[in-house]
PDB file of N, CA and C in Angstrom:
ATOM      1  N   UNK A   1      35.365   5.879  26.787  1.00  0.00           N
ATOM      2  CA  UNK A   1      35.013   5.213  25.562  1.00  0.00           C
ATOM      3  C   UNK A   1      33.769   5.888  24.981  1.00  0.00           C
ATOM      4  N   UNK A   2      33.760   6.203  23.681  1.00  0.00           N
ATOM      5  CA  UNK A   2      32.634   6.855  23.091  1.00  0.00           C
ATOM      6  C   UNK A   2      31.394   5.926  23.084  1.00  0.00           C
ATOM      7  N   UNK A   3      30.243   6.552  23.064  1.00  0.00           N
ATOM      8  CA  UNK A   3      28.995   5.800  23.047  1.00  0.00           C
ATOM      9  C   UNK A   3      28.775   5.290  21.568  1.00  0.00           C
ATOM     10  N   UNK A   4      28.471   4.032  21.498  1.00  0.00           N
ATOM     11  CA  UNK A   4      28.227   3.486  20.163  1.00  0.00           C
ATOM     12  C   UNK A   4      26.692   3.501  19.814  1.00  0.00           C
ATOM     13  N   UNK A   5      26.392   3.921  18.640  1.00  0.00           N
ATOM     14  CA  UNK A   5      25.029   3.920  18.210  1.00  0.00           C
ATOM     15  C   UNK A   5      24.807   2.898  17.066  1.00  0.00           C
ATOM     16  N   UNK A   6      23.907   2.083  17.198  1.00  0.00           N
ATOM     17  CA  UNK A   6      23.662   1.065  16.186  1.00  0.00           C
ATOM     18  C   UNK A   6      22.773   1.674  15.093  1.00  0.00           C
ATOM     19  N   UNK A   7      23.408   2.444  14.191  1.00  0.00           N
ATOM     20  CA  UNK A   7      22.656   3.168  13.240  1.00  0.00           C
ATOM     21  C   UNK A   7      21.999   2.224  12.222  1.00  0.00           C
ATOM     22  N   UNK A   8      22.655   1.056  11.922  1.00  0.00           N
ATOM     23  CA  UNK A   8      22.053   0.114  10.995  1.00  0.00           C
ATOM     24  C   UNK A   8      20.702  -0.354  11.537  1.00  0.00           C
ATOM     25  N   UNK A   9      20.651  -0.758  12.724  1.00  0.00           N
ATOM     26  CA  UNK A   9      19.378  -1.230  13.283  1.00  0.00           C
ATOM     27  C   UNK A   9      18.329  -0.123  13.397  1.00  0.00           C
ATOM     28  N   UNK A  10      18.810   1.073  13.701  1.00  0.00           N
ATOM     29  CA  UNK A  10      17.834   2.233  13.804  1.00  0.00           C
ATOM     30  C   UNK A  10      17.303   2.535  12.401  1.00  0.00           C
ATOM     31  N   UNK A  11      18.139   2.569  11.402  1.00  0.00           N
ATOM     32  CA  UNK A  11      17.677   2.855  10.000  1.00  0.00           C
ATOM     33  C   UNK A  11      16.710   1.779   9.552  1.00  0.00           C
ATOM     34  N   UNK A  12      17.015   0.519   9.845  1.00  0.00           N
ATOM     35  CA  UNK A  12      16.165  -0.556   9.405  1.00  0.00           C
ATOM     36  C   UNK A  12      14.777  -0.473  10.090  1.00  0.00           C
ATOM     37  N   UNK A  13      14.795  -0.096  11.384  1.00  0.00           N
ATOM     38  CA  UNK A  13      13.540   0.039  12.095  1.00  0.00           C
ATOM     39  C   UNK A  13      12.686   1.173  11.454  1.00  0.00           C
ATOM     40  N   UNK A  14      13.352   2.279  11.130  1.00  0.00           N
ATOM     41  CA  UNK A  14      12.585   3.392  10.529  1.00  0.00           C
ATOM     42  C   UNK A  14      12.098   3.050   9.158  1.00  0.00           C
ATOM     43  N   UNK A  15      12.955   2.351   8.406  1.00  0.00           N
ATOM     44  CA  UNK A  15      12.615   1.996   6.988  1.00  0.00           C
ATOM     45  C   UNK A  15      11.377   1.050   7.048  1.00  0.00           C
ATOM     46  N   UNK A  16      11.300   0.155   8.059  1.00  0.00           N
ATOM     47  CA  UNK A  16      10.216  -0.809   8.140  1.00  0.00           C
ATOM     48  C   UNK A  16       8.903  -0.002   8.326  1.00  0.00           C
ATOM     49  N   UNK A  17       8.963   1.010   9.263  1.00  0.00           N
ATOM     50  CA  UNK A  17       7.698   1.782   9.480  1.00  0.00           C
ATOM     51  C   UNK A  17       7.370   2.636   8.229  1.00  0.00           C
ATOM     52  N   UNK A  18       8.401   3.298   7.646  1.00  0.00           N
ATOM     53  CA  UNK A  18       8.133   4.127   6.496  1.00  0.00           C
ATOM     54  C   UNK A  18       7.585   3.357   5.295  1.00  0.00           C
ATOM     55  N   UNK A  19       8.023   2.028   5.241  1.00  0.00           N
ATOM     56  CA  UNK A  19       7.525   1.178   4.112  1.00  0.00           C
ATOM     57  C   UNK A  19       6.022   0.881   4.354  1.00  0.00           C
ATOM     58  N   UNK A  20       5.641   0.714   5.640  1.00  0.00           N
ATOM     59  CA  UNK A  20       4.228   0.439   5.969  1.00  0.00           C
ATOM     60  C   UNK A  20       3.370   1.726   5.696  1.00  0.00           C
ATOM     61  N   UNK A  21       4.033   2.883   5.781  1.00  0.00           N
ATOM     62  CA  UNK A  21       3.314   4.107   5.560  1.00  0.00           C
ATOM     63  C   UNK A  21       3.193   4.578   4.081  1.00  0.00           C
ATOM     64  N   UNK A  22       3.730   3.712   3.194  1.00  0.00           N
ATOM     65  CA  UNK A  22       3.692   4.023   1.803  1.00  0.00           C
ATOM     66  C   UNK A  22       2.228   4.160   1.286  1.00  0.00           C
ATOM     67  N   UNK A  23       1.967   5.158   0.602  1.00  0.00           N
ATOM     68  CA  UNK A  23       0.628   5.414   0.108  1.00  0.00           C
ATOM     69  C   UNK A  23      -0.209   6.369   0.985  1.00  0.00           C
ATOM     70  N   UNK A  24       0.346   6.757   2.128  1.00  0.00           N
ATOM     71  CA  UNK A  24      -0.340   7.735   2.980  1.00  0.00           C
ATOM     72  C   UNK A  24      -0.114   9.134   2.418  1.00  0.00           C
ATOM     73  N   UNK A  25      -0.964  10.060   2.763  1.00  0.00           N
ATOM     74  CA  UNK A  25      -1.000  11.389   2.240  1.00  0.00           C
ATOM     75  C   UNK A  25      -0.122  12.359   3.050  1.00  0.00           C
ATOM     76  N   UNK A  26       0.598  13.264   2.350  1.00  0.00           N
ATOM     77  CA  UNK A  26       1.333  14.261   3.041  1.00  0.00           C
ATOM     78  C   UNK A  26       2.527  13.794   3.887  1.00  0.00           C
ATOM     79  N   UNK A  27       2.731  14.416   5.018  1.00  0.00           N
ATOM     80  CA  UNK A  27       3.889  14.060   5.829  1.00  0.00           C
ATOM     81  C   UNK A  27       3.728  12.726   6.496  1.00  0.00           C
ATOM     82  N   UNK A  28       2.518  12.121   6.440  1.00  0.00           N
ATOM     83  CA  UNK A  28       2.364  10.757   7.050  1.00  0.00           C
ATOM     84  C   UNK A  28       3.190   9.778   6.366  1.00  0.00           C
ATOM     85  N   UNK A  29       3.619  10.008   5.108  1.00  0.00           N
ATOM     86  CA  UNK A  29       4.365   8.956   4.393  1.00  0.00           C
ATOM     87  C   UNK A  29       5.917   9.087   4.440  1.00  0.00           C
ATOM     88  N   UNK A  30       6.400  10.259   4.848  1.00  0.00           N
ATOM     89  CA  UNK A  30       7.845  10.355   4.798  1.00  0.00           C
ATOM     90  C   UNK A  30       8.478  11.086   6.014  1.00  0.00           C
ATOM     91  N   UNK A  31       7.733  11.548   6.946  1.00  0.00           N
ATOM     92  CA  UNK A  31       8.345  12.087   8.159  1.00  0.00           C
ATOM     93  C   UNK A  31       8.186  11.056   9.319  1.00  0.00           C
ATOM     94  N   UNK A  32       9.309  10.765   9.918  1.00  0.00           N
ATOM     95  CA  UNK A  32       9.392   9.576  10.814  1.00  0.00           C
ATOM     96  C   UNK A  32       8.377   9.683  11.965  1.00  0.00           C
ATOM     97  N   UNK A  33       8.313  10.808  12.658  1.00  0.00           N
ATOM     98  CA  UNK A  33       7.465  10.887  13.803  1.00  0.00           C
ATOM     99  C   UNK A  33       5.962  10.778  13.384  1.00  0.00           C
ATOM    100  N   UNK A  34       5.560  11.458  12.364  1.00  0.00           N
ATOM    101  CA  UNK A  34       4.233  11.458  11.868  1.00  0.00           C
ATOM    102  C   UNK A  34       3.821  10.043  11.293  1.00  0.00           C
ATOM    103  N   UNK A  35       4.778   9.509  10.589  1.00  0.00           N
ATOM    104  CA  UNK A  35       4.485   8.178  10.019  1.00  0.00           C
ATOM    105  C   UNK A  35       4.377   7.134  11.053  1.00  0.00           C
ATOM    106  N   UNK A  36       5.191   7.234  12.082  1.00  0.00           N
ATOM    107  CA  UNK A  36       5.116   6.186  13.160  1.00  0.00           C
ATOM    108  C   UNK A  36       3.780   6.191  13.792  1.00  0.00           C
ATOM    109  N   UNK A  37       3.242   7.419  14.125  1.00  0.00           N
ATOM    110  CA  UNK A  37       1.900   7.524  14.787  1.00  0.00           C
ATOM    111  C   UNK A  37       0.890   7.036  13.809  1.00  0.00           C
ATOM    112  N   UNK A  38       0.942   7.365  12.496  1.00  0.00           N
ATOM    113  CA  UNK A  38      -0.064   6.984  11.551  1.00  0.00           C
ATOM    114  C   UNK A  38      -0.153   5.425  11.396  1.00  0.00           C
ATOM    115  N   UNK A  39       1.094   4.847  11.310  1.00  0.00           N
ATOM    116  CA  UNK A  39       1.126   3.382  11.184  1.00  0.00           C
ATOM    117  C   UNK A  39       0.556   2.665  12.351  1.00  0.00           C
ATOM    118  N   UNK A  40       0.947   3.148  13.574  1.00  0.00           N
ATOM    119  CA  UNK A  40       0.428   2.467  14.787  1.00  0.00           C
ATOM    120  C   UNK A  40      -1.097   2.603  14.858  1.00  0.00           C
ATOM    121  N   UNK A  41      -1.603   3.788  14.504  1.00  0.00           N
ATOM    122  CA  UNK A  41      -3.070   3.916  14.479  1.00  0.00           C
ATOM    123  C   UNK A  41      -3.722   3.008  13.446  1.00  0.00           C
ATOM    124  N   UNK A  42      -3.079   2.920  12.304  1.00  0.00           N
ATOM    125  CA  UNK A  42      -3.643   2.085  11.261  1.00  0.00           C
ATOM    126  C   UNK A  42      -3.676   0.636  11.602  1.00  0.00           C
ATOM    127  N   UNK A  43      -2.581   0.180  12.314  1.00  0.00           N
ATOM    128  CA  UNK A  43      -2.515  -1.214  12.787  1.00  0.00           C
ATOM    129  C   UNK A  43      -3.597  -1.476  13.823  1.00  0.00           C
ATOM    130  N   UNK A  44      -3.879  -0.499  14.694  1.00  0.00           N
ATOM    131  CA  UNK A  44      -4.943  -0.705  15.637  1.00  0.00           C
ATOM    132  C   UNK A  44      -6.284  -0.803  15.001  1.00  0.00           C
ATOM    133  N   UNK A  45      -6.560   0.110  14.030  1.00  0.00           N
ATOM    134  CA  UNK A  45      -7.802   0.054  13.252  1.00  0.00           C
ATOM    135  C   UNK A  45      -7.973  -1.292  12.573  1.00  0.00           C
ATOM    136  N   UNK A  46      -6.897  -1.821  11.911  1.00  0.00           N
ATOM    137  CA  UNK A  46      -6.997  -3.015  11.224  1.00  0.00           C
ATOM    138  C   UNK A  46      -7.298  -4.212  12.164  1.00  0.00           C
ATOM    139  N   UNK A  47      -6.683  -4.176  13.360  1.00  0.00           N
ATOM    140  CA  UNK A  47      -6.962  -5.268  14.306  1.00  0.00           C
ATOM    141  C   UNK A  47      -8.447  -5.234  14.720  1.00  0.00           C
ATOM    142  N   UNK A  48      -8.933  -4.019  15.018  1.00  0.00           N
ATOM    143  CA  UNK A  48     -10.288  -3.804  15.521  1.00  0.00           C
ATOM    144  C   UNK A  48     -11.288  -4.218  14.406  1.00  0.00           C
ATOM    145  N   UNK A  49     -10.978  -3.861  13.182  1.00  0.00           N
ATOM    146  CA  UNK A  49     -12.002  -3.984  12.122  1.00  0.00           C
ATOM    147  C   UNK A  49     -11.993  -5.376  11.578  1.00  0.00           C
ATOM    148  N   UNK A  50     -10.913  -6.181  11.864  1.00  0.00           N
ATOM    149  CA  UNK A  50     -10.997  -7.647  11.510  1.00  0.00           C
ATOM    150  C   UNK A  50     -12.072  -8.339  12.345  1.00  0.00           C
ATOM    151  N   UNK A  51     -12.192  -7.862  13.545  1.00  0.00           N
ATOM    152  CA  UNK A  51     -13.291  -8.417  14.459  1.00  0.00           C
ATOM    153  C   UNK A  51     -14.606  -7.935  13.986  1.00  0.00           C
ATOM    154  N   UNK A  52     -14.760  -6.595  13.593  1.00  0.00           N
ATOM    155  CA  UNK A  52     -15.980  -6.015  13.175  1.00  0.00           C
ATOM    156  C   UNK A  52     -16.435  -6.620  11.888  1.00  0.00           C
ATOM    157  N   UNK A  53     -15.521  -6.976  10.973  1.00  0.00           N
ATOM    158  CA  UNK A  53     -15.805  -7.605   9.759  1.00  0.00           C
ATOM    159  C   UNK A  53     -16.560  -8.941   9.931  1.00  0.00           C
ATOM    160  N   UNK A  54     -16.060  -9.709  10.887  1.00  0.00           N
ATOM    161  CA  UNK A  54     -16.752 -10.999  11.217  1.00  0.00           C
ATOM    162  C   UNK A  54     -18.140 -10.722  11.719  1.00  0.00           C
ATOM    163  N   UNK A  55     -18.250  -9.701  12.560  1.00  0.00           N
ATOM    164  CA  UNK A  55     -19.558  -9.402  13.208  1.00  0.00           C
ATOM    165  C   UNK A  55     -20.574  -8.977  12.108  1.00  0.00           C
ATOM    166  N   UNK A  56     -20.084  -8.068  11.202  1.00  0.00           N
ATOM    167  CA  UNK A  56     -21.070  -7.578  10.187  1.00  0.00           C
ATOM    168  C   UNK A  56     -21.423  -8.640   9.126  1.00  0.00           C
ATOM    169  N   UNK A  57     -20.491  -9.582   8.840  1.00  0.00           N
ATOM    170  CA  UNK A  57     -20.865 -10.681   7.934  1.00  0.00           C
ATOM    171  C   UNK A  57     -21.879 -11.642   8.571  1.00  0.00           C
ATOM    172  N   UNK A  58     -21.726 -11.930   9.869  1.00  0.00           N
ATOM    173  CA  UNK A  58     -22.687 -12.768  10.593  1.00  0.00           C
ATOM    174  C   UNK A  58     -24.087 -12.116  10.536  1.00  0.00           C
ATOM    175  N   UNK A  59     -24.179 -10.792  10.786  1.00  0.00           N
ATOM    176  CA  UNK A  59     -25.403 -10.072  10.698  1.00  0.00           C
ATOM    177  C   UNK A  59     -26.071 -10.225   9.307  1.00  0.00           C
ATOM    178  N   UNK A  60     -25.241 -10.087   8.265  1.00  0.00           N
ATOM    179  CA  UNK A  60     -25.696 -10.153   6.894  1.00  0.00           C
ATOM    180  C   UNK A  60     -26.271 -11.591   6.648  1.00  0.00           C
ATOM    181  N   UNK A  61     -25.532 -12.601   7.139  1.00  0.00           N
ATOM    182  CA  UNK A  61     -26.043 -13.973   6.892  1.00  0.00           C
ATOM    183  C   UNK A  61     -27.377 -14.191   7.611  1.00  0.00           C
ATOM    184  N   UNK A  62     -27.474 -13.629   8.825  1.00  0.00           N
ATOM    185  CA  UNK A  62     -28.737 -13.817   9.576  1.00  0.00           C
ATOM    186  C   UNK A  62     -29.836 -13.133   8.842  1.00  0.00           C
ATOM    187  N   UNK A  63     -29.678 -11.885   8.355  1.00  0.00           N
ATOM    188  CA  UNK A  63     -30.697 -11.191   7.585  1.00  0.00           C
ATOM    189  C   UNK A  63     -31.169 -12.001   6.392  1.00  0.00           C
ATOM    190  N   UNK A  64     -30.204 -12.571   5.645  1.00  0.00           N
ATOM    191  CA  UNK A  64     -30.545 -13.380   4.490  1.00  0.00           C
ATOM    192  C   UNK A  64     -31.391 -14.540   4.814  1.00  0.00           C
ATOM    193  N   UNK A  65     -30.950 -15.221   5.879  1.00  0.00           N
ATOM    194  CA  UNK A  65     -31.637 -16.498   6.224  1.00  0.00           C
ATOM    195  C   UNK A  65     -33.055 -16.114   6.763  1.00  0.00           C
ATOM    196  N   UNK A  66     -33.148 -15.054   7.466  1.00  0.00           N
ATOM    197  CA  UNK A  66     -34.430 -14.654   8.001  1.00  0.00           C
ATOM    198  C   UNK A  66     -35.457 -14.276   6.836  1.00  0.00           C
ATOM    199  N   UNK A  67     -34.923 -13.523   5.863  1.00  0.00           N
ATOM    200  CA  UNK A  67     -35.775 -13.152   4.707  1.00  0.00           C
ATOM    201  C   UNK A  67     -36.201 -14.394   3.930  1.00  0.00           C
ATOM    202  N   UNK A  68     -35.267 -15.342   3.757  1.00  0.00           N
ATOM    203  CA  UNK A  68     -35.661 -16.555   2.959  1.00  0.00           C
ATOM    204  C   UNK A  68     -36.609 -17.427   3.789  1.00  0.00           C
ATOM    205  N   UNK A  69     -36.415 -17.497   5.094  1.00  0.00           N
ATOM    206  CA  UNK A  69     -37.281 -18.290   5.967  1.00  0.00           C
ATOM    207  C   UNK A  69     -38.710 -17.702   5.993  1.00  0.00           C
ATOM    208  N   UNK A  70     -38.836 -16.404   6.043  1.00  0.00           N
ATOM    209  CA  UNK A  70     -40.171 -15.810   6.085  1.00  0.00           C
ATOM    210  C   UNK A  70     -41.003 -16.071   4.823  1.00  0.00           C
ATOM    211  N   UNK A  71     -40.272 -16.323   3.699  1.00  0.00           N
ATOM    212  CA  UNK A  71     -40.950 -16.658   2.476  1.00  0.00           C
ATOM    213  C   UNK A  71     -41.664 -17.978   2.610  1.00  0.00           C
ATOM    214  N   UNK A  72     -41.135 -18.849   3.533  1.00  0.00           N
ATOM    215  CA  UNK A  72     -41.717 -20.151   3.702  1.00  0.00           C
ATOM    216  C   UNK A  72     -42.502 -20.194   5.008  1.00  0.00           C
ATOM    217  N   UNK A  73     -42.811 -19.085   5.591  1.00  0.00           N
ATOM    218  CA  UNK A  73     -43.659 -19.088   6.792  1.00  0.00           C
ATOM    219  C   UNK A  73     -42.938 -19.375   8.113  1.00  0.00           C
ATOM    220  N   UNK A  74     -41.631 -19.205   8.148  1.00  0.00           N
ATOM    221  CA  UNK A  74     -40.813 -19.465   9.315  1.00  0.00           C
ATOM    222  C   UNK A  74     -40.200 -18.117   9.733  1.00  0.00           C
ATOM    223  N   UNK A  75     -39.788 -18.036  11.028  1.00  0.00           N
ATOM    224  CA  UNK A  75     -38.903 -16.950  11.409  1.00  0.00           C
ATOM    225  C   UNK A  75     -37.532 -17.528  11.618  1.00  0.00           C
ATOM    226  N   UNK A  76     -36.565 -16.622  11.626  1.00  0.00           N
ATOM    227  CA  UNK A  76     -35.161 -17.016  11.804  1.00  0.00           C
ATOM    228  C   UNK A  76     -34.985 -17.948  13.002  1.00  0.00           C
ATOM    229  N   UNK A  77     -35.517 -17.499  14.125  1.00  0.00           N
ATOM    230  CA  UNK A  77     -35.253 -18.211  15.405  1.00  0.00           C
ATOM    231  C   UNK A  77     -35.892 -19.514  15.423  1.00  0.00           C
ATOM    232  N   UNK A  78     -37.074 -19.666  14.841  1.00  0.00           N
ATOM    233  CA  UNK A  78     -37.746 -20.978  14.815  1.00  0.00           C
ATOM    234  C   UNK A  78     -37.010 -21.919  13.878  1.00  0.00           C
ATOM    235  N   UNK A  79     -36.465 -21.335  12.753  1.00  0.00           N
ATOM    236  CA  UNK A  79     -35.740 -22.166  11.841  1.00  0.00           C
ATOM    237  C   UNK A  79     -34.494 -22.692  12.467  1.00  0.00           C
ATOM    238  N   UNK A  80     -33.761 -21.840  13.162  1.00  0.00           N
ATOM    239  CA  UNK A  80     -32.502 -22.305  13.740  1.00  0.00           C
ATOM    240  C   UNK A  80     -32.737 -23.302  14.819  1.00  0.00           C
ATOM    241  N   UNK A  81     -33.791 -23.044  15.665  1.00  0.00           N
ATOM    242  CA  UNK A  81     -34.054 -24.071  16.714  1.00  0.00           C
ATOM    243  C   UNK A  81     -34.484 -25.407  16.182  1.00  0.00           C
ATOM    244  N   UNK A  82     -35.261 -25.398  15.117  1.00  0.00           N
ATOM    245  CA  UNK A  82     -35.653 -26.587  14.422  1.00  0.00           C
ATOM    246  C   UNK A  82     -34.471 -27.334  13.851  1.00  0.00           C
ATOM    247  N   UNK A  83     -33.538 -26.618  13.249  1.00  0.00           N
ATOM    248  CA  UNK A  83     -32.353 -27.171  12.718  1.00  0.00           C
ATOM    249  C   UNK A  83     -31.509 -27.844  13.744  1.00  0.00           C
ATOM    250  N   UNK A  84     -31.452 -27.189  14.963  1.00  0.00           N
ATOM    251  CA  UNK A  84     -30.608 -27.764  16.016  1.00  0.00           C
ATOM    252  C   UNK A  84     -31.329 -29.049  16.589  1.00  0.00           C
ATOM    253  N   UNK A  85     -32.649 -28.988  16.646  1.00  0.00           N
ATOM    254  CA  UNK A  85     -33.375 -30.152  17.191  1.00  0.00           C
ATOM    255  C   UNK A  85     -33.325 -31.372  16.273  1.00  0.00           C
ATOM    256  N   UNK A  86     -33.332 -31.087  14.925  1.00  0.00           N
ATOM    257  CA  UNK A  86     -33.194 -32.136  13.915  1.00  0.00           C
ATOM    258  C   UNK A  86     -31.782 -32.567  13.701  1.00  0.00           C
ATOM    259  N   UNK A  87     -30.785 -31.874  14.353  1.00  0.00           N
ATOM    260  CA  UNK A  87     -29.343 -32.116  14.202  1.00  0.00           C
ATOM    261  C   UNK A  87     -28.854 -31.930  12.810  1.00  0.00           C
ATOM    262  N   UNK A  88     -29.362 -30.884  12.185  1.00  0.00           N
ATOM    263  CA  UNK A  88     -28.780 -30.485  10.851  1.00  0.00           C
ATOM    264  C   UNK A  88     -27.635 -29.518  11.079  1.00  0.00           C
ATOM    265  N   UNK A  89     -26.459 -29.943  10.712  1.00  0.00           N
ATOM    266  CA  UNK A  89     -25.264 -29.151  11.008  1.00  0.00           C
ATOM    267  C   UNK A  89     -24.895 -28.279   9.790  1.00  0.00           C
ATOM    268  N   UNK A  90     -25.603 -27.158   9.638  1.00  0.00           N
ATOM    269  CA  UNK A  90     -25.261 -26.168   8.625  1.00  0.00           C
ATOM    270  C   UNK A  90     -25.030 -24.886   9.306  1.00  0.00           C
ATOM    271  N   UNK A  91     -23.916 -24.217   9.061  1.00  0.00           N
ATOM    272  CA  UNK A  91     -23.662 -22.894   9.763  1.00  0.00           C
ATOM    273  C   UNK A  91     -24.364 -21.847   8.922  1.00  0.00           C
ATOM    274  N   UNK A  92     -24.356 -20.647   9.500  1.00  0.00           N
ATOM    275  CA  UNK A  92     -25.122 -19.540   8.982  1.00  0.00           C
ATOM    276  C   UNK A  92     -24.597 -19.062   7.598  1.00  0.00           C
ATOM    277  N   UNK A  93     -23.308 -19.156   7.372  1.00  0.00           N
ATOM    278  CA  UNK A  93     -22.668 -18.796   6.090  1.00  0.00           C
ATOM    279  C   UNK A  93     -23.185 -19.686   5.005  1.00  0.00           C
ATOM    280  N   UNK A  94     -23.220 -20.962   5.228  1.00  0.00           N
ATOM    281  CA  UNK A  94     -23.678 -21.947   4.199  1.00  0.00           C
ATOM    282  C   UNK A  94     -25.184 -21.758   4.008  1.00  0.00           C
ATOM    283  N   UNK A  95     -25.913 -21.600   5.075  1.00  0.00           N
ATOM    284  CA  UNK A  95     -27.349 -21.423   4.942  1.00  0.00           C
ATOM    285  C   UNK A  95     -27.707 -20.221   4.151  1.00  0.00           C
ATOM    286  N   UNK A  96     -27.058 -19.152   4.446  1.00  0.00           N
ATOM    287  CA  UNK A  96     -27.354 -17.897   3.674  1.00  0.00           C
ATOM    288  C   UNK A  96     -26.986 -18.033   2.181  1.00  0.00           C
ATOM    289  N   UNK A  97     -25.872 -18.765   1.876  1.00  0.00           N
ATOM    290  CA  UNK A  97     -25.512 -18.962   0.470  1.00  0.00           C
ATOM    291  C   UNK A  97     -26.571 -19.875  -0.203  1.00  0.00           C
ATOM    292  N   UNK A  98     -27.048 -20.884   0.506  1.00  0.00           N
ATOM    293  CA  UNK A  98     -28.047 -21.748  -0.091  1.00  0.00           C
ATOM    294  C   UNK A  98     -29.356 -20.917  -0.293  1.00  0.00           C
ATOM    295  N   UNK A  99     -29.700 -20.150   0.680  1.00  0.00           N
ATOM    296  CA  UNK A  99     -30.959 -19.304   0.547  1.00  0.00           C
ATOM    297  C   UNK A  99     -30.868 -18.327  -0.621  1.00  0.00           C
ATOM    298  N   UNK A 100     -29.663 -17.770  -0.831  1.00  0.00           N
ATOM    299  CA  UNK A 100     -29.532 -16.787  -1.898  1.00  0.00           C
ATOM    300  C   UNK A 100     -29.416 -17.448  -3.240  1.00  0.00           C
ATOM    301  N   UNK A 101     -28.688 -18.466  -3.438  1.00  0.00           N
ATOM    302  CA  UNK A 101     -28.277 -18.991  -4.782  1.00  0.00           C
ATOM    303  C   UNK A 101     -29.066 -20.279  -5.139  1.00  0.00           C
ATOM    304  N   UNK A 102     -29.620 -21.002  -4.129  1.00  0.00           N
ATOM    305  CA  UNK A 102     -30.316 -22.259  -4.398  1.00  0.00           C
ATOM    306  C   UNK A 102     -31.626 -22.299  -3.576  1.00  0.00           C
ATOM    307  N   UNK A 103     -32.625 -21.538  -3.963  1.00  0.00           N
ATOM    308  CA  UNK A 103     -33.854 -21.432  -3.117  1.00  0.00           C
ATOM    309  C   UNK A 103     -34.607 -22.770  -3.065  1.00  0.00           C
ATOM    310  N   UNK A 104     -34.476 -23.594  -4.088  1.00  0.00           N
ATOM    311  CA  UNK A 104     -35.181 -24.845  -4.062  1.00  0.00           C
ATOM    312  C   UNK A 104     -34.528 -25.841  -3.020  1.00  0.00           C
ATOM    313  N   UNK A 105     -33.246 -25.789  -2.917  1.00  0.00           N
ATOM    314  CA  UNK A 105     -32.533 -26.536  -1.920  1.00  0.00           C
ATOM    315  C   UNK A 105     -32.910 -26.020  -0.506  1.00  0.00           C
ATOM    316  N   UNK A 106     -32.994 -24.668  -0.383  1.00  0.00           N
ATOM    317  CA  UNK A 106     -33.388 -24.138   0.901  1.00  0.00           C
ATOM    318  C   UNK A 106     -34.816 -24.611   1.305  1.00  0.00           C
ATOM    319  N   UNK A 107     -35.670 -24.622   0.301  1.00  0.00           N
ATOM    320  CA  UNK A 107     -37.014 -25.087   0.621  1.00  0.00           C
ATOM    321  C   UNK A 107     -37.068 -26.562   1.118  1.00  0.00           C
ATOM    322  N   UNK A 108     -36.175 -27.395   0.582  1.00  0.00           N
ATOM    323  CA  UNK A 108     -36.074 -28.746   0.985  1.00  0.00           C
ATOM    324  C   UNK A 108     -35.527 -28.853   2.448  1.00  0.00           C
ATOM    325  N   UNK A 109     -34.569 -27.967   2.743  1.00  0.00           N
ATOM    326  CA  UNK A 109     -34.063 -27.940   4.104  1.00  0.00           C
ATOM    327  C   UNK A 109     -35.133 -27.578   5.070  1.00  0.00           C
ATOM    328  N   UNK A 110     -35.955 -26.549   4.692  1.00  0.00           N
ATOM    329  CA  UNK A 110     -37.108 -26.107   5.568  1.00  0.00           C
ATOM    330  C   UNK A 110     -38.110 -27.263   5.712  1.00  0.00           C
ATOM    331  N   UNK A 111     -38.388 -27.917   4.691  1.00  0.00           N
ATOM    332  CA  UNK A 111     -39.374 -29.051   4.742  1.00  0.00           C
ATOM    333  C   UNK A 111     -38.861 -30.174   5.646  1.00  0.00           C
ATOM    334  N   UNK A 112     -37.563 -30.340   5.647  1.00  0.00           N
ATOM    335  CA  UNK A 112     -36.949 -31.330   6.574  1.00  0.00           C
ATOM    336  C   UNK A 112     -37.144 -30.989   8.018  1.00  0.00           C
ATOM    337  N   UNK A 113     -37.101 -29.730   8.331  1.00  0.00           N
ATOM    338  CA  UNK A 113     -37.176 -29.233   9.700  1.00  0.00           C
ATOM    339  C   UNK A 113     -38.569 -29.167  10.286  1.00  0.00           C
ATOM    340  N   UNK A 114     -39.516 -29.267   9.411  1.00  0.00           N
ATOM    341  CA  UNK A 114     -40.929 -29.189   9.863  1.00  0.00           C
ATOM    342  C   UNK A 114     -41.319 -30.364  10.687  1.00  0.00           C
TER     343      UNK A 114
END
């Protein structure tokens, strides 16, 4: 009996990868072997950089909070420890937004932690 090849599934699998490679430069967009490697590498980078994005945003928030706190005579670490001791539940994202866009509200928060 001859060997059957499921060409429909194979073609669909290749089309799925080539569709993800759309927009790549040169043979990376239309040659199966090259596109498969490029797409796999791109997926690895996207997974890794989703984690790095969270990390870099947290760093940015901390920098903003520290800069705003120093204007009021506090350091970042003292401000966060005071917030925790006074049981003020504001995360760093919200604190940095308040520090950037509403400095008067940030000053009230700092006065509450003193």
